């Protein structure tokens, strides 16, 4: 028999605090184009959607034949670029990389990025 999740005022307050932190991250003004892509990936969670967003802004990828539209592979390459760690805020970088590795993250996994892993017991 599954355990019931016990909700306390403290656990609800902690969840609200976490979501405020996440909202603050997503509302940050990116300091450069790379950070903007990382933030949009956190928001949209799909590289193809991020590529479409970049294309809607008029940005293009330089290629051997000139310029072309962004595709999901380009976004993935940017997320995987080791130099990105120097260009992106640490919380944004860690959150995007965890999402990239795990797909959709649980609340507990997201909280670990913010150092709040002890806050919510996700057992139901």
PDB file of N, CA and C in Angstrom:
ATOM      1  N   UNK A   1       0.842  -1.178   0.000  1.00  0.00           N
ATOM      2  CA  UNK A   1       0.000   0.000   0.000  1.00  0.00           C
ATOM      3  C   UNK A   1       0.891   1.246   0.000  1.00  0.00           C
ATOM      4  N   UNK A   2       0.583   2.182  -0.867  1.00  0.00           N
ATOM      5  CA  UNK A   2       1.392   3.390  -0.995  1.00  0.00           C
ATOM      6  C   UNK A   2       1.175   4.322   0.188  1.00  0.00           C
ATOM      7  N   UNK A   3       2.268   4.980   0.595  1.00  0.00           N
ATOM      8  CA  UNK A   3       2.165   5.971   1.664  1.00  0.00           C
ATOM      9  C   UNK A   3       1.501   7.222   1.138  1.00  0.00           C
ATOM     10  N   UNK A   4       0.711   7.831   1.963  1.00  0.00           N
ATOM     11  CA  UNK A   4       0.087   9.090   1.583  1.00  0.00           C
ATOM     12  C   UNK A   4       1.083  10.213   1.827  1.00  0.00           C
ATOM     13  N   UNK A   5       1.066  11.169   0.930  1.00  0.00           N
ATOM     14  CA  UNK A   5       1.945  12.330   1.065  1.00  0.00           C
ATOM     15  C   UNK A   5       1.373  13.235   2.136  1.00  0.00           C
ATOM     16  N   UNK A   6       2.167  13.498   3.146  1.00  0.00           N
ATOM     17  CA  UNK A   6       1.724  14.358   4.229  1.00  0.00           C
ATOM     18  C   UNK A   6       2.084  15.800   3.899  1.00  0.00           C
ATOM     19  N   UNK A   7       1.067  16.638   3.796  1.00  0.00           N
ATOM     20  CA  UNK A   7       1.275  18.044   3.464  1.00  0.00           C
ATOM     21  C   UNK A   7       1.230  18.851   4.754  1.00  0.00           C
ATOM     22  N   UNK A   8       2.278  19.625   4.954  1.00  0.00           N
ATOM     23  CA  UNK A   8       2.321  20.510   6.110  1.00  0.00           C
ATOM     24  C   UNK A   8       2.447  21.937   5.600  1.00  0.00           C
ATOM     25  N   UNK A   9       2.140  22.882   6.454  1.00  0.00           N
ATOM     26  CA  UNK A   9       2.288  24.277   6.085  1.00  0.00           C
ATOM     27  C   UNK A   9       3.731  24.570   5.704  1.00  0.00           C
ATOM     28  N   UNK A  10       4.677  24.007   6.441  1.00  0.00           N
ATOM     29  CA  UNK A  10       6.102  24.216   6.151  1.00  0.00           C
ATOM     30  C   UNK A  10       6.461  23.679   4.765  1.00  0.00           C
ATOM     31  N   UNK A  11       5.974  22.482   4.421  1.00  0.00           N
ATOM     32  CA  UNK A  11       6.314  21.917   3.108  1.00  0.00           C
ATOM     33  C   UNK A  11       5.713  22.752   1.989  1.00  0.00           C
ATOM     34  N   UNK A  12       4.510  23.283   2.199  1.00  0.00           N
ATOM     35  CA  UNK A  12       3.902  24.146   1.189  1.00  0.00           C
ATOM     36  C   UNK A  12       4.667  25.461   1.048  1.00  0.00           C
ATOM     37  N   UNK A  13       5.081  26.031   2.161  1.00  0.00           N
ATOM     38  CA  UNK A  13       5.870  27.264   2.115  1.00  0.00           C
ATOM     39  C   UNK A  13       7.194  27.030   1.403  1.00  0.00           C
ATOM     40  N   UNK A  14       7.809  25.891   1.661  1.00  0.00           N
ATOM     41  CA  UNK A  14       9.072  25.565   1.007  1.00  0.00           C
ATOM     42  C   UNK A  14       8.886  25.374  -0.498  1.00  0.00           C
ATOM     43  N   UNK A  15       7.776  24.746  -0.891  1.00  0.00           N
ATOM     44  CA  UNK A  15       7.504  24.579  -2.320  1.00  0.00           C
ATOM     45  C   UNK A  15       7.298  25.933  -2.986  1.00  0.00           C
ATOM     46  N   UNK A  16       6.570  26.818  -2.323  1.00  0.00           N
ATOM     47  CA  UNK A  16       6.357  28.160  -2.862  1.00  0.00           C
ATOM     48  C   UNK A  16       7.690  28.877  -3.019  1.00  0.00           C
ATOM     49  N   UNK A  17       8.563  28.766  -2.017  1.00  0.00           N
ATOM     50  CA  UNK A  17       9.889  29.388  -2.105  1.00  0.00           C
ATOM     51  C   UNK A  17      10.664  28.845  -3.303  1.00  0.00           C
ATOM     52  N   UNK A  18      10.614  27.528  -3.491  1.00  0.00           N
ATOM     53  CA  UNK A  18      11.305  26.916  -4.619  1.00  0.00           C
ATOM     54  C   UNK A  18      10.783  27.468  -5.937  1.00  0.00           C
ATOM     55  N   UNK A  19       9.474  27.515  -6.105  1.00  0.00           N
ATOM     56  CA  UNK A  19       8.904  27.998  -7.362  1.00  0.00           C
ATOM     57  C   UNK A  19       9.210  29.473  -7.592  1.00  0.00           C
ATOM     58  N   UNK A  20       9.310  30.246  -6.532  1.00  0.00           N
ATOM     59  CA  UNK A  20       9.730  31.640  -6.685  1.00  0.00           C
ATOM     60  C   UNK A  20      11.164  31.705  -7.198  1.00  0.00           C
ATOM     61  N   UNK A  21      12.027  30.833  -6.679  1.00  0.00           N
ATOM     62  CA  UNK A  21      13.418  30.805  -7.161  1.00  0.00           C
ATOM     63  C   UNK A  21      13.474  30.414  -8.630  1.00  0.00           C
ATOM     64  N   UNK A  22      12.690  29.393  -9.003  1.00  0.00           N
ATOM     65  CA  UNK A  22      12.675  28.954 -10.393  1.00  0.00           C
ATOM     66  C   UNK A  22      12.133  30.065 -11.289  1.00  0.00           C
ATOM     67  N   UNK A  23      11.076  30.725 -10.864  1.00  0.00           N
ATOM     68  CA  UNK A  23      10.507  31.833 -11.629  1.00  0.00           C
ATOM     69  C   UNK A  23      11.531  32.947 -11.787  1.00  0.00           C
ATOM     70  N   UNK A  24      12.279  33.230 -10.718  1.00  0.00           N
ATOM     71  CA  UNK A  24      13.310  34.267 -10.791  1.00  0.00           C
ATOM     72  C   UNK A  24      14.381  33.913 -11.818  1.00  0.00           C
ATOM     73  N   UNK A  25      14.747  32.644 -11.882  1.00  0.00           N
ATOM     74  CA  UNK A  25      15.745  32.207 -12.873  1.00  0.00           C
ATOM     75  C   UNK A  25      15.190  32.422 -14.281  1.00  0.00           C
ATOM     76  N   UNK A  26      13.945  32.004 -14.501  1.00  0.00           N
ATOM     77  CA  UNK A  26      13.374  32.108 -15.839  1.00  0.00           C
ATOM     78  C   UNK A  26      13.120  33.552 -16.263  1.00  0.00           C
ATOM     79  N   UNK A  27      12.979  34.448 -15.313  1.00  0.00           N
ATOM     80  CA  UNK A  27      12.731  35.853 -15.632  1.00  0.00           C
ATOM     81  C   UNK A  27      14.016  36.673 -15.771  1.00  0.00           C
ATOM     82  N   UNK A  28      15.140  36.049 -15.528  1.00  0.00           N
ATOM     83  CA  UNK A  28      16.403  36.784 -15.644  1.00  0.00           C
ATOM     84  C   UNK A  28      16.595  37.290 -17.056  1.00  0.00           C
ATOM     85  N   UNK A  29      17.195  38.448 -17.133  1.00  0.00           N
ATOM     86  CA  UNK A  29      17.571  38.998 -18.433  1.00  0.00           C
ATOM     87  C   UNK A  29      18.895  38.336 -18.807  1.00  0.00           C
ATOM     88  N   UNK A  30      18.930  37.599 -19.911  1.00  0.00           N
ATOM     89  CA  UNK A  30      20.182  36.922 -20.281  1.00  0.00           C
ATOM     90  C   UNK A  30      21.286  37.926 -20.571  1.00  0.00           C
ATOM     91  N   UNK A  31      22.497  37.556 -20.189  1.00  0.00           N
ATOM     92  CA  UNK A  31      23.638  38.450 -20.390  1.00  0.00           C
ATOM     93  C   UNK A  31      24.263  38.284 -21.774  1.00  0.00           C
ATOM     94  N   UNK A  32      23.899  37.199 -22.464  1.00  0.00           N
ATOM     95  CA  UNK A  32      24.419  36.974 -23.810  1.00  0.00           C
ATOM     96  C   UNK A  32      23.490  35.999 -24.537  1.00  0.00           C
ATOM     97  N   UNK A  33      23.748  35.771 -25.805  1.00  0.00           N
ATOM     98  CA  UNK A  33      22.880  34.896 -26.606  1.00  0.00           C
ATOM     99  C   UNK A  33      22.900  33.454 -26.120  1.00  0.00           C
ATOM    100  N   UNK A  34      24.057  32.985 -25.676  1.00  0.00           N
ATOM    101  CA  UNK A  34      24.154  31.606 -25.186  1.00  0.00           C
ATOM    102  C   UNK A  34      23.270  31.416 -23.968  1.00  0.00           C
ATOM    103  N   UNK A  35      23.323  32.349 -23.034  1.00  0.00           N
ATOM    104  CA  UNK A  35      22.483  32.244 -21.840  1.00  0.00           C
ATOM    105  C   UNK A  35      21.001  32.323 -22.212  1.00  0.00           C
ATOM    106  N   UNK A  36      20.652  33.118 -23.219  1.00  0.00           N
ATOM    107  CA  UNK A  36      19.261  33.200 -23.673  1.00  0.00           C
ATOM    108  C   UNK A  36      18.775  31.843 -24.178  1.00  0.00           C
ATOM    109  N   UNK A  37      19.633  31.133 -24.891  1.00  0.00           N
ATOM    110  CA  UNK A  37      19.267  29.802 -25.395  1.00  0.00           C
ATOM    111  C   UNK A  37      19.086  28.826 -24.227  1.00  0.00           C
ATOM    112  N   UNK A  38      19.977  28.868 -23.246  1.00  0.00           N
ATOM    113  CA  UNK A  38      19.856  27.991 -22.083  1.00  0.00           C
ATOM    114  C   UNK A  38      18.552  28.273 -21.328  1.00  0.00           C
ATOM    115  N   UNK A  39      18.237  29.540 -21.120  1.00  0.00           N
ATOM    116  CA  UNK A  39      16.995  29.906 -20.428  1.00  0.00           C
ATOM    117  C   UNK A  39      15.770  29.441 -21.208  1.00  0.00           C
ATOM    118  N   UNK A  40      15.796  29.623 -22.511  1.00  0.00           N
ATOM    119  CA  UNK A  40      14.651  29.200 -23.331  1.00  0.00           C
ATOM    120  C   UNK A  40      14.512  27.686 -23.309  1.00  0.00           C
ATOM    121  N   UNK A  41      15.638  26.962 -23.259  1.00  0.00           N
ATOM    122  CA  UNK A  41      15.579  25.500 -23.159  1.00  0.00           C
ATOM    123  C   UNK A  41      14.930  25.080 -21.840  1.00  0.00           C
ATOM    124  N   UNK A  42      15.272  25.746 -20.756  1.00  0.00           N
ATOM    125  CA  UNK A  42      14.657  25.438 -19.463  1.00  0.00           C
ATOM    126  C   UNK A  42      13.151  25.673 -19.544  1.00  0.00           C
ATOM    127  N   UNK A  43      12.767  26.743 -20.180  1.00  0.00           N
ATOM    128  CA  UNK A  43      11.344  27.083 -20.291  1.00  0.00           C
ATOM    129  C   UNK A  43      10.582  26.122 -21.205  1.00  0.00           C
ATOM    130  N   UNK A  44      11.132  25.857 -22.388  1.00  0.00           N
ATOM    131  CA  UNK A  44      10.407  25.082 -23.398  1.00  0.00           C
ATOM    132  C   UNK A  44      10.649  23.576 -23.326  1.00  0.00           C
ATOM    133  N   UNK A  45      11.815  23.180 -22.822  1.00  0.00           N
ATOM    134  CA  UNK A  45      12.174  21.778 -22.605  1.00  0.00           C
ATOM    135  C   UNK A  45      12.351  20.932 -23.868  1.00  0.00           C
ATOM    136  N   UNK A  46      12.347  21.543 -25.032  1.00  0.00           N
ATOM    137  CA  UNK A  46      12.547  20.799 -26.279  1.00  0.00           C
ATOM    138  C   UNK A  46      13.458  21.600 -27.191  1.00  0.00           C
ATOM    139  N   UNK A  47      14.508  20.943 -27.682  1.00  0.00           N
ATOM    140  CA  UNK A  47      15.465  21.648 -28.536  1.00  0.00           C
ATOM    141  C   UNK A  47      14.820  22.125 -29.835  1.00  0.00           C
ATOM    142  N   UNK A  48      13.872  21.381 -30.365  1.00  0.00           N
ATOM    143  CA  UNK A  48      13.213  21.810 -31.606  1.00  0.00           C
ATOM    144  C   UNK A  48      12.403  23.091 -31.381  1.00  0.00           C
ATOM    145  N   UNK A  49      11.778  23.214 -30.212  1.00  0.00           N
ATOM    146  CA  UNK A  49      11.023  24.434 -29.899  1.00  0.00           C
ATOM    147  C   UNK A  49      11.966  25.620 -29.698  1.00  0.00           C
ATOM    148  N   UNK A  50      13.124  25.360 -29.104  1.00  0.00           N
ATOM    149  CA  UNK A  50      14.116  26.423 -28.921  1.00  0.00           C
ATOM    150  C   UNK A  50      14.629  26.879 -30.290  1.00  0.00           C
ATOM    151  N   UNK A  51      14.902  25.927 -31.183  1.00  0.00           N
ATOM    152  CA  UNK A  51      15.365  26.282 -32.529  1.00  0.00           C
ATOM    153  C   UNK A  51      14.319  27.137 -33.241  1.00  0.00           C
ATOM    154  N   UNK A  52      13.054  26.781 -33.119  1.00  0.00           N
ATOM    155  CA  UNK A  52      11.989  27.571 -33.747  1.00  0.00           C
ATOM    156  C   UNK A  52      11.944  28.981 -33.153  1.00  0.00           C
ATOM    157  N   UNK A  53      12.131  29.091 -31.849  1.00  0.00           N
ATOM    158  CA  UNK A  53      12.149  30.395 -31.186  1.00  0.00           C
ATOM    159  C   UNK A  53      13.306  31.249 -31.713  1.00  0.00           C
ATOM    160  N   UNK A  54      14.507  30.642 -31.808  1.00  0.00           N
ATOM    161  CA  UNK A  54      15.678  31.367 -32.310  1.00  0.00           C
ATOM    162  C   UNK A  54      15.421  31.838 -33.743  1.00  0.00           C
ATOM    163  N   UNK A  55      14.853  30.962 -34.569  1.00  0.00           N
ATOM    164  CA  UNK A  55      14.571  31.317 -35.958  1.00  0.00           C
ATOM    165  C   UNK A  55      13.559  32.459 -36.041  1.00  0.00           C
ATOM    166  N   UNK A  56      12.591  32.475 -35.113  1.00  0.00           N
ATOM    167  CA  UNK A  56      11.583  33.541 -35.122  1.00  0.00           C
ATOM    168  C   UNK A  56      12.202  34.908 -34.814  1.00  0.00           C
ATOM    169  N   UNK A  57      13.365  34.892 -34.154  1.00  0.00           N
ATOM    170  CA  UNK A  57      14.076  36.134 -33.854  1.00  0.00           C
ATOM    171  C   UNK A  57      14.937  36.606 -35.022  1.00  0.00           C
ATOM    172  N   UNK A  58      15.026  35.764 -36.053  1.00  0.00           N
ATOM    173  CA  UNK A  58      15.814  36.130 -37.232  1.00  0.00           C
ATOM    174  C   UNK A  58      17.259  35.676 -37.179  1.00  0.00           C
ATOM    175  N   UNK A  59      17.636  34.965 -36.133  1.00  0.00           N
ATOM    176  CA  UNK A  59      19.012  34.484 -36.020  1.00  0.00           C
ATOM    177  C   UNK A  59      19.230  33.309 -36.968  1.00  0.00           C
ATOM    178  N   UNK A  60      20.426  33.224 -37.497  1.00  0.00           N
ATOM    179  CA  UNK A  60      20.781  32.141 -38.405  1.00  0.00           C
ATOM    180  C   UNK A  60      22.127  31.547 -38.010  1.00  0.00           C
ATOM    181  N   UNK A  61      22.335  30.302 -38.405  1.00  0.00           N
ATOM    182  CA  UNK A  61      23.597  29.598 -38.162  1.00  0.00           C
ATOM    183  C   UNK A  61      24.479  29.794 -39.381  1.00  0.00           C
ATOM    184  N   UNK A  62      25.726  30.117 -39.124  1.00  0.00           N
ATOM    185  CA  UNK A  62      26.681  30.235 -40.235  1.00  0.00           C
ATOM    186  C   UNK A  62      27.132  28.824 -40.602  1.00  0.00           C
ATOM    187  N   UNK A  63      27.113  28.534 -41.886  1.00  0.00           N
ATOM    188  CA  UNK A  63      27.546  27.224 -42.364  1.00  0.00           C
ATOM    189  C   UNK A  63      28.475  27.418 -43.557  1.00  0.00           C
ATOM    190  N   UNK A  64      28.990  26.315 -44.076  1.00  0.00           N
ATOM    191  CA  UNK A  64      29.918  26.371 -45.215  1.00  0.00           C
ATOM    192  C   UNK A  64      29.253  27.001 -46.437  1.00  0.00           C
ATOM    193  N   UNK A  65      27.941  26.893 -46.533  1.00  0.00           N
ATOM    194  CA  UNK A  65      27.205  27.429 -47.697  1.00  0.00           C
ATOM    195  C   UNK A  65      26.552  28.780 -47.427  1.00  0.00           C
ATOM    196  N   UNK A  66      26.883  29.378 -46.309  1.00  0.00           N
ATOM    197  CA  UNK A  66      26.270  30.660 -45.964  1.00  0.00           C
ATOM    198  C   UNK A  66      25.539  30.555 -44.628  1.00  0.00           C
ATOM    199  N   UNK A  67      24.341  31.077 -44.592  1.00  0.00           N
ATOM    200  CA  UNK A  67      23.551  31.016 -43.363  1.00  0.00           C
ATOM    201  C   UNK A  67      22.343  30.126 -43.578  1.00  0.00           C
ATOM    202  N   UNK A  68      21.906  29.502 -42.495  1.00  0.00           N
ATOM    203  CA  UNK A  68      20.730  28.639 -42.566  1.00  0.00           C
ATOM    204  C   UNK A  68      19.950  28.749 -41.265  1.00  0.00           C
ATOM    205  N   UNK A  69      18.741  28.201 -41.269  1.00  0.00           N
ATOM    206  CA  UNK A  69      17.912  28.179 -40.072  1.00  0.00           C
ATOM    207  C   UNK A  69      18.508  27.252 -39.019  1.00  0.00           C
ATOM    208  N   UNK A  70      18.219  27.558 -37.766  1.00  0.00           N
ATOM    209  CA  UNK A  70      18.619  26.685 -36.667  1.00  0.00           C
ATOM    210  C   UNK A  70      17.768  25.415 -36.697  1.00  0.00           C
ATOM    211  N   UNK A  71      18.383  24.298 -36.310  1.00  0.00           N
ATOM    212  CA  UNK A  71      17.654  23.046 -36.110  1.00  0.00           C
ATOM    213  C   UNK A  71      17.970  22.545 -34.701  1.00  0.00           C
ATOM    214  N   UNK A  72      17.245  21.540 -34.254  1.00  0.00           N
ATOM    215  CA  UNK A  72      17.419  21.061 -32.882  1.00  0.00           C
ATOM    216  C   UNK A  72      18.850  20.599 -32.613  1.00  0.00           C
ATOM    217  N   UNK A  73      19.524  20.061 -33.611  1.00  0.00           N
ATOM    218  CA  UNK A  73      20.908  19.624 -33.441  1.00  0.00           C
ATOM    219  C   UNK A  73      21.819  20.793 -33.081  1.00  0.00           C
ATOM    220  N   UNK A  74      21.561  21.949 -33.665  1.00  0.00           N
ATOM    221  CA  UNK A  74      22.359  23.136 -33.348  1.00  0.00           C
ATOM    222  C   UNK A  74      22.184  23.532 -31.882  1.00  0.00           C
ATOM    223  N   UNK A  75      20.954  23.455 -31.402  1.00  0.00           N
ATOM    224  CA  UNK A  75      20.686  23.782 -29.994  1.00  0.00           C
ATOM    225  C   UNK A  75      21.390  22.777 -29.094  1.00  0.00           C
ATOM    226  N   UNK A  76      21.287  21.507 -29.428  1.00  0.00           N
ATOM    227  CA  UNK A  76      21.957  20.469 -28.637  1.00  0.00           C
ATOM    228  C   UNK A  76      23.460  20.696 -28.603  1.00  0.00           C
ATOM    229  N   UNK A  77      24.049  21.041 -29.743  1.00  0.00           N
ATOM    230  CA  UNK A  77      25.492  21.298 -29.791  1.00  0.00           C
ATOM    231  C   UNK A  77      25.864  22.475 -28.906  1.00  0.00           C
ATOM    232  N   UNK A  78      25.021  23.498 -28.877  1.00  0.00           N
ATOM    233  CA  UNK A  78      25.293  24.643 -28.012  1.00  0.00           C
ATOM    234  C   UNK A  78      25.188  24.243 -26.541  1.00  0.00           C
ATOM    235  N   UNK A  79      24.175  23.458 -26.198  1.00  0.00           N
ATOM    236  CA  UNK A  79      24.022  22.989 -24.819  1.00  0.00           C
ATOM    237  C   UNK A  79      25.196  22.101 -24.394  1.00  0.00           C
ATOM    238  N   UNK A  80      25.756  21.366 -25.357  1.00  0.00           N
ATOM    239  CA  UNK A  80      26.867  20.451 -25.065  1.00  0.00           C
ATOM    240  C   UNK A  80      28.243  21.108 -25.162  1.00  0.00           C
ATOM    241  N   UNK A  81      28.299  22.324 -25.626  1.00  0.00           N
ATOM    242  CA  UNK A  81      29.580  23.012 -25.819  1.00  0.00           C
ATOM    243  C   UNK A  81      30.244  23.284 -24.459  1.00  0.00           C
ATOM    244  N   UNK A  82      31.452  22.731 -24.220  1.00  0.00           N
ATOM    245  CA  UNK A  82      32.132  22.943 -22.941  1.00  0.00           C
ATOM    246  C   UNK A  82      32.402  24.415 -22.631  1.00  0.00           C
ATOM    247  N   UNK A  83      32.517  25.246 -23.649  1.00  0.00           N
ATOM    248  CA  UNK A  83      32.767  26.666 -23.429  1.00  0.00           C
ATOM    249  C   UNK A  83      31.544  27.382 -22.846  1.00  0.00           C
ATOM    250  N   UNK A  84      30.369  26.772 -22.957  1.00  0.00           N
ATOM    251  CA  UNK A  84      29.138  27.405 -22.466  1.00  0.00           C
ATOM    252  C   UNK A  84      29.167  27.622 -20.961  1.00  0.00           C
ATOM    253  N   UNK A  85      29.879  26.780 -20.234  1.00  0.00           N
ATOM    254  CA  UNK A  85      29.928  26.924 -18.782  1.00  0.00           C
ATOM    255  C   UNK A  85      30.494  28.280 -18.378  1.00  0.00           C
ATOM    256  N   UNK A  86      31.341  28.850 -19.208  1.00  0.00           N
ATOM    257  CA  UNK A  86      31.926  30.159 -18.925  1.00  0.00           C
ATOM    258  C   UNK A  86      30.991  31.308 -19.305  1.00  0.00           C
ATOM    259  N   UNK A  87      30.000  31.017 -20.139  1.00  0.00           N
ATOM    260  CA  UNK A  87      29.128  32.065 -20.674  1.00  0.00           C
ATOM    261  C   UNK A  87      27.755  32.133 -20.004  1.00  0.00           C
ATOM    262  N   UNK A  88      27.454  31.132 -19.186  1.00  0.00           N
ATOM    263  CA  UNK A  88      26.108  31.004 -18.632  1.00  0.00           C
ATOM    264  C   UNK A  88      26.179  30.968 -17.109  1.00  0.00           C
ATOM    265  N   UNK A  89      25.231  31.643 -16.456  1.00  0.00           N
ATOM    266  CA  UNK A  89      25.121  31.600 -15.003  1.00  0.00           C
ATOM    267  C   UNK A  89      25.095  30.146 -14.531  1.00  0.00           C
ATOM    268  N   UNK A  90      25.739  29.861 -13.408  1.00  0.00           N
ATOM    269  CA  UNK A  90      25.885  28.488 -12.932  1.00  0.00           C
ATOM    270  C   UNK A  90      24.545  27.795 -12.688  1.00  0.00           C
ATOM    271  N   UNK A  91      23.584  28.466 -12.057  1.00  0.00           N
ATOM    272  CA  UNK A  91      22.281  27.827 -11.812  1.00  0.00           C
ATOM    273  C   UNK A  91      21.572  27.514 -13.124  1.00  0.00           C
ATOM    274  N   UNK A  92      21.633  28.434 -14.060  1.00  0.00           N
ATOM    275  CA  UNK A  92      21.002  28.213 -15.364  1.00  0.00           C
ATOM    276  C   UNK A  92      21.682  27.048 -16.073  1.00  0.00           C
ATOM    277  N   UNK A  93      23.006  27.042 -16.052  1.00  0.00           N
ATOM    278  CA  UNK A  93      23.766  25.971 -16.703  1.00  0.00           C
ATOM    279  C   UNK A  93      23.428  24.606 -16.095  1.00  0.00           C
ATOM    280  N   UNK A  94      23.484  24.511 -14.763  1.00  0.00           N
ATOM    281  CA  UNK A  94      23.217  23.231 -14.085  1.00  0.00           C
ATOM    282  C   UNK A  94      21.797  22.745 -14.332  1.00  0.00           C
ATOM    283  N   UNK A  95      20.834  23.649 -14.285  1.00  0.00           N
ATOM    284  CA  UNK A  95      19.444  23.267 -14.501  1.00  0.00           C
ATOM    285  C   UNK A  95      19.235  22.750 -15.925  1.00  0.00           C
ATOM    286  N   UNK A  96      19.758  23.449 -16.903  1.00  0.00           N
ATOM    287  CA  UNK A  96      19.606  23.009 -18.293  1.00  0.00           C
ATOM    288  C   UNK A  96      20.305  21.677 -18.538  1.00  0.00           C
ATOM    289  N   UNK A  97      21.498  21.506 -17.988  1.00  0.00           N
ATOM    290  CA  UNK A  97      22.227  20.246 -18.186  1.00  0.00           C
ATOM    291  C   UNK A  97      21.507  19.076 -17.534  1.00  0.00           C
ATOM    292  N   UNK A  98      20.949  19.284 -16.349  1.00  0.00           N
ATOM    293  CA  UNK A  98      20.190  18.198 -15.708  1.00  0.00           C
ATOM    294  C   UNK A  98      18.954  17.852 -16.514  1.00  0.00           C
ATOM    295  N   UNK A  99      18.289  18.857 -17.035  1.00  0.00           N
ATOM    296  CA  UNK A  99      17.109  18.611 -17.861  1.00  0.00           C
ATOM    297  C   UNK A  99      17.498  17.863 -19.126  1.00  0.00           C
ATOM    298  N   UNK A 100      18.616  18.234 -19.699  1.00  0.00           N
ATOM    299  CA  UNK A 100      19.080  17.595 -20.928  1.00  0.00           C
ATOM    300  C   UNK A 100      19.385  16.118 -20.684  1.00  0.00           C
ATOM    301  N   UNK A 101      19.996  15.799 -19.547  1.00  0.00           N
ATOM    302  CA  UNK A 101      20.359  14.414 -19.237  1.00  0.00           C
ATOM    303  C   UNK A 101      19.144  13.575 -18.863  1.00  0.00           C
ATOM    304  N   UNK A 102      18.225  14.181 -18.126  1.00  0.00           N
ATOM    305  CA  UNK A 102      17.124  13.415 -17.548  1.00  0.00           C
ATOM    306  C   UNK A 102      15.800  13.584 -18.261  1.00  0.00           C
ATOM    307  N   UNK A 103      15.757  14.432 -19.265  1.00  0.00           N
ATOM    308  CA  UNK A 103      14.461  14.741 -19.863  1.00  0.00           C
ATOM    309  C   UNK A 103      13.675  15.600 -18.892  1.00  0.00           C
ATOM    310  N   UNK A 104      12.484  15.234 -18.627  1.00  0.00           N
ATOM    311  CA  UNK A 104      11.642  15.995 -17.708  1.00  0.00           C
ATOM    312  C   UNK A 104      12.092  15.710 -16.274  1.00  0.00           C
ATOM    313  N   UNK A 105      12.401  16.751 -15.530  1.00  0.00           N
ATOM    314  CA  UNK A 105      12.888  16.586 -14.167  1.00  0.00           C
ATOM    315  C   UNK A 105      11.751  16.585 -13.167  1.00  0.00           C
ATOM    316  N   UNK A 106      11.928  15.796 -12.143  1.00  0.00           N
ATOM    317  CA  UNK A 106      10.977  15.826 -11.042  1.00  0.00           C
ATOM    318  C   UNK A 106      11.229  17.066 -10.198  1.00  0.00           C
ATOM    319  N   UNK A 107      10.287  17.386  -9.353  1.00  0.00           N
ATOM    320  CA  UNK A 107      10.439  18.532  -8.465  1.00  0.00           C
ATOM    321  C   UNK A 107      11.682  18.361  -7.596  1.00  0.00           C
ATOM    322  N   UNK A 108      11.909  17.164  -7.097  1.00  0.00           N
ATOM    323  CA  UNK A 108      13.067  16.918  -6.235  1.00  0.00           C
ATOM    324  C   UNK A 108      14.378  17.167  -6.993  1.00  0.00           C
ATOM    325  N   UNK A 109      14.452  16.719  -8.236  1.00  0.00           N
ATOM    326  CA  UNK A 109      15.660  16.946  -9.030  1.00  0.00           C
ATOM    327  C   UNK A 109      15.873  18.429  -9.298  1.00  0.00           C
ATOM    328  N   UNK A 110      14.796  19.153  -9.563  1.00  0.00           N
ATOM    329  CA  UNK A 110      14.913  20.594  -9.771  1.00  0.00           C
ATOM    330  C   UNK A 110      15.394  21.276  -8.500  1.00  0.00           C
ATOM    331  N   UNK A 111      14.893  20.841  -7.363  1.00  0.00           N
ATOM    332  CA  UNK A 111      15.269  21.460  -6.099  1.00  0.00           C
ATOM    333  C   UNK A 111      16.747  21.250  -5.795  1.00  0.00           C
ATOM    334  N   UNK A 112      17.313  20.145  -6.234  1.00  0.00           N
ATOM    335  CA  UNK A 112      18.726  19.885  -5.988  1.00  0.00           C
ATOM    336  C   UNK A 112      19.601  20.954  -6.648  1.00  0.00           C
ATOM    337  N   UNK A 113      19.170  21.476  -7.777  1.00  0.00           N
ATOM    338  CA  UNK A 113      19.918  22.529  -8.454  1.00  0.00           C
ATOM    339  C   UNK A 113      20.002  23.764  -7.565  1.00  0.00           C
ATOM    340  N   UNK A 114      18.946  24.017  -6.804  1.00  0.00           N
ATOM    341  CA  UNK A 114      18.891  25.197  -5.947  1.00  0.00           C
ATOM    342  C   UNK A 114      19.341  24.898  -4.518  1.00  0.00           C
ATOM    343  N   UNK A 115      19.842  23.691  -4.267  1.00  0.00           N
ATOM    344  CA  UNK A 115      20.286  23.340  -2.924  1.00  0.00           C
ATOM    345  C   UNK A 115      19.138  23.194  -1.953  1.00  0.00           C
ATOM    346  N   UNK A 116      17.989  22.786  -2.455  1.00  0.00           N
ATOM    347  CA  UNK A 116      16.798  22.663  -1.623  1.00  0.00           C
ATOM    348  C   UNK A 116      16.301  21.214  -1.607  1.00  0.00           C
ATOM    349  N   UNK A 117      17.204  20.251  -1.790  1.00  0.00           N
ATOM    350  CA  UNK A 117      16.780  18.872  -1.980  1.00  0.00           C
ATOM    351  C   UNK A 117      16.031  18.277  -0.799  1.00  0.00           C
ATOM    352  N   UNK A 118      16.198  18.846   0.378  1.00  0.00           N
ATOM    353  CA  UNK A 118      15.528  18.287   1.549  1.00  0.00           C
ATOM    354  C   UNK A 118      14.093  18.771   1.694  1.00  0.00           C
ATOM    355  N   UNK A 119      13.637  19.640   0.833  1.00  0.00           N
ATOM    356  CA  UNK A 119      12.365  20.331   1.068  1.00  0.00           C
ATOM    357  C   UNK A 119      11.132  19.454   0.867  1.00  0.00           C
ATOM    358  N   UNK A 120      11.019  18.754  -0.224  1.00  0.00           N
ATOM    359  CA  UNK A 120       9.775  18.058  -0.498  1.00  0.00           C
ATOM    360  C   UNK A 120      10.002  16.559  -0.562  1.00  0.00           C
ATOM    361  N   UNK A 121       9.179  15.834   0.148  1.00  0.00           N
ATOM    362  CA  UNK A 121       9.165  14.382   0.066  1.00  0.00           C
ATOM    363  C   UNK A 121       8.157  14.036  -1.016  1.00  0.00           C
ATOM    364  N   UNK A 122       8.613  13.453  -2.118  1.00  0.00           N
ATOM    365  CA  UNK A 122       7.727  13.195  -3.242  1.00  0.00           C
ATOM    366  C   UNK A 122       7.024  11.856  -3.158  1.00  0.00           C
ATOM    367  N   UNK A 123       7.134  11.135  -2.092  1.00  0.00           N
ATOM    368  CA  UNK A 123       6.446   9.859  -1.994  1.00  0.00           C
ATOM    369  C   UNK A 123       4.956  10.115  -1.871  1.00  0.00           C
ATOM    370  N   UNK A 124       4.195   9.317  -2.570  1.00  0.00           N
ATOM    371  CA  UNK A 124       2.732   9.463  -2.532  1.00  0.00           C
ATOM    372  C   UNK A 124       2.105   8.248  -1.920  1.00  0.00           C
TER     373      UNK A 124
END
